[in-house]
C-alpha atoms as a PDB file:
ATOM      1  CA  UNK A   1     -88.986 -86.550 -16.615  1.00  0.00           C
ATOM      2  CA  UNK A   2     -88.292 -90.277 -16.066  1.00  0.00           C
ATOM      3  CA  UNK A   3     -89.963 -93.410 -17.380  1.00  0.00           C
ATOM      4  CA  UNK A   4     -90.245 -96.264 -15.049  1.00  0.00           C
ATOM      5  CA  UNK A   5     -90.825 -99.584 -16.976  1.00  0.00           C
ATOM      6  CA  UNK A   6     -92.084-102.604 -15.071  1.00  0.00           C
ATOM      7  CA  UNK A   7     -90.345-105.595 -16.593  1.00  0.00           C
ATOM      8  CA  UNK A   8     -90.279-108.053 -13.701  1.00  0.00           C
ATOM      9  CA  UNK A   9     -92.963-110.582 -14.164  1.00  0.00           C
ATOM     10  CA  UNK A  10     -92.570-114.193 -15.272  1.00  0.00           C
ATOM     11  CA  UNK A  11     -95.060-114.004 -17.960  1.00  0.00           C
ATOM     12  CA  UNK A  12     -96.401-117.463 -17.109  1.00  0.00           C
ATOM     13  CA  UNK A  13     -99.318-117.301 -19.722  1.00  0.00           C
ATOM     14  CA  UNK A  14     -96.701-116.865 -22.459  1.00  0.00           C
ATOM     15  CA  UNK A  15     -94.100-119.279 -21.299  1.00  0.00           C
ATOM     16  CA  UNK A  16     -94.868-121.637 -24.141  1.00  0.00           C
ATOM     17  CA  UNK A  17     -93.710-118.836 -26.529  1.00  0.00           C
ATOM     18  CA  UNK A  18     -91.179-117.032 -24.413  1.00  0.00           C
ATOM     19  CA  UNK A  19     -89.598-120.144 -22.804  1.00  0.00           C
ATOM     20  CA  UNK A  20     -86.453-118.951 -21.171  1.00  0.00           C
ATOM     21  CA  UNK A  21     -86.513-115.069 -21.712  1.00  0.00           C
ATOM     22  CA  UNK A  22     -88.475-112.515 -19.844  1.00  0.00           C
ATOM     23  CA  UNK A  23     -91.747-111.458 -21.600  1.00  0.00           C
ATOM     24  CA  UNK A  24     -90.720-107.906 -22.255  1.00  0.00           C
ATOM     25  CA  UNK A  25     -87.817-109.263 -24.208  1.00  0.00           C
ATOM     26  CA  UNK A  26     -89.950-111.246 -26.694  1.00  0.00           C
ATOM     27  CA  UNK A  27     -89.186-109.815 -30.181  1.00  0.00           C
ATOM     28  CA  UNK A  28     -91.895-108.007 -32.127  1.00  0.00           C
ATOM     29  CA  UNK A  29     -90.896-106.886 -35.690  1.00  0.00           C
ATOM     30  CA  UNK A  30     -87.318-107.936 -34.865  1.00  0.00           C
ATOM     31  CA  UNK A  31     -86.803-106.061 -31.594  1.00  0.00           C
ATOM     32  CA  UNK A  32     -87.728-106.875 -27.932  1.00  0.00           C
ATOM     33  CA  UNK A  33     -90.809-105.135 -26.737  1.00  0.00           C
ATOM     34  CA  UNK A  34     -88.723-103.242 -24.335  1.00  0.00           C
ATOM     35  CA  UNK A  35     -86.661-101.859 -27.178  1.00  0.00           C
ATOM     36  CA  UNK A  36     -89.903-100.512 -28.803  1.00  0.00           C
ATOM     37  CA  UNK A  37     -90.646 -98.808 -25.430  1.00  0.00           C
ATOM     38  CA  UNK A  38     -87.191 -97.146 -25.230  1.00  0.00           C
ATOM     39  CA  UNK A  39     -87.689 -95.738 -28.766  1.00  0.00           C
ATOM     40  CA  UNK A  40     -91.143 -94.570 -27.769  1.00  0.00           C
ATOM     41  CA  UNK A  41     -89.589 -92.817 -24.768  1.00  0.00           C
ATOM     42  CA  UNK A  42     -87.018 -91.000 -26.904  1.00  0.00           C
ATOM     43  CA  UNK A  43     -89.817 -90.002 -29.357  1.00  0.00           C
ATOM     44  CA  UNK A  44     -91.498 -88.388 -26.457  1.00  0.00           C
ATOM     45  CA  UNK A  45     -88.289 -86.695 -25.263  1.00  0.00           C
ATOM     46  CA  UNK A  46     -87.711 -88.971 -22.351  1.00  0.00           C
ATOM     47  CA  UNK A  47     -84.057 -90.013 -22.018  1.00  0.00           C
ATOM     48  CA  UNK A  48     -83.839 -91.210 -18.432  1.00  0.00           C
ATOM     49  CA  UNK A  49     -85.348 -94.681 -17.878  1.00  0.00           C
ATOM     50  CA  UNK A  50     -85.546 -96.987 -14.906  1.00  0.00           C
ATOM     51  CA  UNK A  51     -86.135-100.629 -15.882  1.00  0.00           C
ATOM     52  CA  UNK A  52     -87.581-102.549 -12.905  1.00  0.00           C
ATOM     53  CA  UNK A  53     -86.924-106.221 -13.487  1.00  0.00           C
ATOM     54  CA  UNK A  54     -86.568-109.454 -11.620  1.00  0.00           C
ATOM     55  CA  UNK A  55     -87.268-112.551 -13.399  1.00  0.00           C
ATOM     56  CA  UNK A  56     -84.218-113.461 -15.582  1.00  0.00           C
ATOM     57  CA  UNK A  57     -83.168-109.715 -15.309  1.00  0.00           C
ATOM     58  CA  UNK A  58     -79.674-110.638 -16.817  1.00  0.00           C
ATOM     59  CA  UNK A  59     -81.337-110.809 -20.282  1.00  0.00           C
ATOM     60  CA  UNK A  60     -82.562-107.220 -19.903  1.00  0.00           C
ATOM     61  CA  UNK A  61     -79.427-105.763 -18.239  1.00  0.00           C
ATOM     62  CA  UNK A  62     -77.035-107.429 -20.695  1.00  0.00           C
ATOM     63  CA  UNK A  63     -79.158-106.154 -23.703  1.00  0.00           C
ATOM     64  CA  UNK A  64     -79.615-102.575 -22.573  1.00  0.00           C
ATOM     65  CA  UNK A  65     -76.659-102.105 -20.238  1.00  0.00           C
ATOM     66  CA  UNK A  66     -76.545 -98.293 -19.342  1.00  0.00           C
ATOM     67  CA  UNK A  67     -78.585 -97.373 -22.368  1.00  0.00           C
ATOM     68  CA  UNK A  68     -75.803 -95.321 -24.039  1.00  0.00           C
ATOM     69  CA  UNK A  69     -76.112 -97.435 -27.202  1.00  0.00           C
ATOM     70  CA  UNK A  70     -79.711 -96.535 -27.437  1.00  0.00           C
ATOM     71  CA  UNK A  71     -79.192 -92.830 -26.793  1.00  0.00           C
ATOM     72  CA  UNK A  72     -80.744 -92.824 -23.327  1.00  0.00           C
ATOM     73  CA  UNK A  73     -79.634 -93.329 -19.718  1.00  0.00           C
ATOM     74  CA  UNK A  74     -80.855 -96.555 -18.200  1.00  0.00           C
ATOM     75  CA  UNK A  75     -80.813 -97.501 -14.495  1.00  0.00           C
ATOM     76  CA  UNK A  76     -81.612-101.117 -13.677  1.00  0.00           C
ATOM     77  CA  UNK A  77     -83.559-101.797 -10.452  1.00  0.00           C
ATOM     78  CA  UNK A  78     -83.416-105.608 -10.116  1.00  0.00           C
ATOM     79  CA  UNK A  79     -85.677-107.331  -7.455  1.00  0.00           C
ATOM     80  CA  UNK A  80     -84.427-110.459  -5.797  1.00  0.00           C
ATOM     81  CA  UNK A  81     -88.058-111.650  -5.309  1.00  0.00           C
ATOM     82  CA  UNK A  82     -91.189-110.723  -7.266  1.00  0.00           C
ATOM     83  CA  UNK A  83     -92.742-107.554  -5.632  1.00  0.00           C
ATOM     84  CA  UNK A  84     -95.644-106.899  -8.023  1.00  0.00           C
ATOM     85  CA  UNK A  85     -96.342-103.540  -9.647  1.00  0.00           C
ATOM     86  CA  UNK A  86     -96.524-101.339  -6.519  1.00  0.00           C
ATOM     87  CA  UNK A  87     -93.769-103.235  -4.844  1.00  0.00           C
ATOM     88  CA  UNK A  88     -91.559-102.657  -7.832  1.00  0.00           C
ATOM     89  CA  UNK A  89     -92.082 -98.925  -7.676  1.00  0.00           C
ATOM     90  CA  UNK A  90     -91.445 -98.858  -3.952  1.00  0.00           C
ATOM     91  CA  UNK A  91     -88.225-100.831  -4.334  1.00  0.00           C
ATOM     92  CA  UNK A  92     -87.076 -98.395  -7.002  1.00  0.00           C
ATOM     93  CA  UNK A  93     -88.274 -95.272  -5.144  1.00  0.00           C
ATOM     94  CA  UNK A  94     -84.754 -94.111  -4.634  1.00  0.00           C
ATOM     95  CA  UNK A  95     -84.636 -93.260  -8.328  1.00  0.00           C
ATOM     96  CA  UNK A  96     -87.725 -91.038  -7.962  1.00  0.00           C
ATOM     97  CA  UNK A  97     -86.747 -87.391  -7.892  1.00  0.00           C
ATOM     98  CA  UNK A  98     -89.936 -85.723  -9.390  1.00  0.00           C
ATOM     99  CA  UNK A  99     -92.917 -86.573 -11.609  1.00  0.00           C
ATOM    100  CA  UNK A 100     -92.511 -89.773 -13.485  1.00  0.00           C
ATOM    101  CA  UNK A 101     -94.331 -92.013 -16.017  1.00  0.00           C
ATOM    102  CA  UNK A 102     -94.916 -95.630 -15.381  1.00  0.00           C
ATOM    103  CA  UNK A 103     -95.655 -98.338 -17.941  1.00  0.00           C
ATOM    104  CA  UNK A 104     -95.745-102.112 -18.025  1.00  0.00           C
ATOM    105  CA  UNK A 105     -92.814-103.574 -19.921  1.00  0.00           C
ATOM    106  CA  UNK A 106     -95.034-105.810 -22.058  1.00  0.00           C
ATOM    107  CA  UNK A 107     -96.918-103.011 -23.771  1.00  0.00           C
ATOM    108  CA  UNK A 108     -96.194-101.280 -27.117  1.00  0.00           C
ATOM    109  CA  UNK A 109     -97.922 -97.986 -27.429  1.00  0.00           C
ATOM    110  CA  UNK A 110     -98.105 -94.834 -29.413  1.00  0.00           C
ATOM    111  CA  UNK A 111     -99.454 -92.549 -26.735  1.00  0.00           C
ATOM    112  CA  UNK A 112     -98.676 -88.854 -27.208  1.00  0.00           C
ATOM    113  CA  UNK A 113     -97.181 -88.068 -23.829  1.00  0.00           C
ATOM    114  CA  UNK A 114     -97.213 -84.286 -24.529  1.00  0.00           C
ATOM    115  CA  UNK A 115    -101.045 -84.472 -24.678  1.00  0.00           C
ATOM    116  CA  UNK A 116    -101.233 -86.705 -21.598  1.00  0.00           C
ATOM    117  CA  UNK A 117     -99.027 -84.488 -19.568  1.00  0.00           C
ATOM    118  CA  UNK A 118    -100.945 -81.328 -20.550  1.00  0.00           C
ATOM    119  CA  UNK A 119    -104.172 -83.173 -19.495  1.00  0.00           C
ATOM    120  CA  UNK A 120    -102.502 -84.038 -16.158  1.00  0.00           C
ATOM    121  CA  UNK A 121    -101.362 -80.403 -15.542  1.00  0.00           C
ATOM    122  CA  UNK A 122    -104.743 -78.876 -16.610  1.00  0.00           C
ATOM    123  CA  UNK A 123    -106.518 -81.057 -14.188  1.00  0.00           C
ATOM    124  CA  UNK A 124    -104.077 -80.423 -11.292  1.00  0.00           C
ATOM    125  CA  UNK A 125    -104.096 -84.157 -10.411  1.00  0.00           C
ATOM    126  CA  UNK A 126    -101.807 -86.090  -8.144  1.00  0.00           C
ATOM    127  CA  UNK A 127    -101.868 -88.922 -10.703  1.00  0.00           C
ATOM    128  CA  UNK A 128    -103.139 -89.549 -14.124  1.00  0.00           C
ATOM    129  CA  UNK A 129    -103.952 -92.973 -15.372  1.00  0.00           C
ATOM    130  CA  UNK A 130    -104.576 -93.715 -19.095  1.00  0.00           C
ATOM    131  CA  UNK A 131    -107.315 -96.167 -19.424  1.00  0.00           C
ATOM    132  CA  UNK A 132    -109.630 -97.422 -22.254  1.00  0.00           C
ATOM    133  CA  UNK A 133    -112.976 -99.030 -22.413  1.00  0.00           C
ATOM    134  CA  UNK A 134    -113.073-102.717 -22.973  1.00  0.00           C
ATOM    135  CA  UNK A 135    -115.500-105.266 -24.342  1.00  0.00           C
ATOM    136  CA  UNK A 136    -114.051-107.742 -21.835  1.00  0.00           C
ATOM    137  CA  UNK A 137    -113.393-105.651 -18.636  1.00  0.00           C
ATOM    138  CA  UNK A 138    -113.523-108.450 -16.133  1.00  0.00           C
ATOM    139  CA  UNK A 139    -110.131-109.833 -16.998  1.00  0.00           C
ATOM    140  CA  UNK A 140    -108.400-106.700 -15.916  1.00  0.00           C
ATOM    141  CA  UNK A 141    -108.590-103.937 -13.352  1.00  0.00           C
ATOM    142  CA  UNK A 142    -111.891-101.998 -13.331  1.00  0.00           C
ATOM    143  CA  UNK A 143    -112.001 -98.166 -12.563  1.00  0.00           C
ATOM    144  CA  UNK A 144    -115.109 -96.285 -12.025  1.00  0.00           C
ATOM    145  CA  UNK A 145    -114.958 -92.494 -12.639  1.00  0.00           C
ATOM    146  CA  UNK A 146    -117.186 -89.558 -11.794  1.00  0.00           C
ATOM    147  CA  UNK A 147    -118.550 -86.921 -14.259  1.00  0.00           C
ATOM    148  CA  UNK A 148    -115.291 -85.022 -14.121  1.00  0.00           C
ATOM    149  CA  UNK A 149    -113.221 -88.222 -15.061  1.00  0.00           C
ATOM    150  CA  UNK A 150    -111.766 -88.542 -11.595  1.00  0.00           C
ATOM    151  CA  UNK A 151    -111.331 -92.225 -10.277  1.00  0.00           C
ATOM    152  CA  UNK A 152    -113.840 -92.935  -7.517  1.00  0.00           C
ATOM    153  CA  UNK A 153    -113.405 -96.672  -7.382  1.00  0.00           C
ATOM    154  CA  UNK A 154    -110.529 -99.106  -8.301  1.00  0.00           C
END
């Protein structure tokens, strides 16, 4: 299982804080957000990671290199121009060789992937998306589901 991390955005809303580094490289508790995601992947027994970057990608590639220092294998998929989320995956599709997990590079999470994968397999789905209810849903994507939890509108 591979983890694809989308770390290509400019992070314009945080530029007053991030200044000249990509948003996923902002330090939280002394380590970049991406570093926390690599540790989360290892904790969930994922050691093959593709980091999809673009904006100031050299910060990411110089920090992680091939991932050996972090106990993982990292492949860098660097976009010349911003391709958005779907475009980043399409650009990196040559690294897809089976089921994979995708996450945005500016998230820190404690999701138990074993449970999520078991749910995915139990429901025989083509894709599983982890979502949560929000008190302010109109500043993000909105999904509507049916009684079985299947997405009927995005």
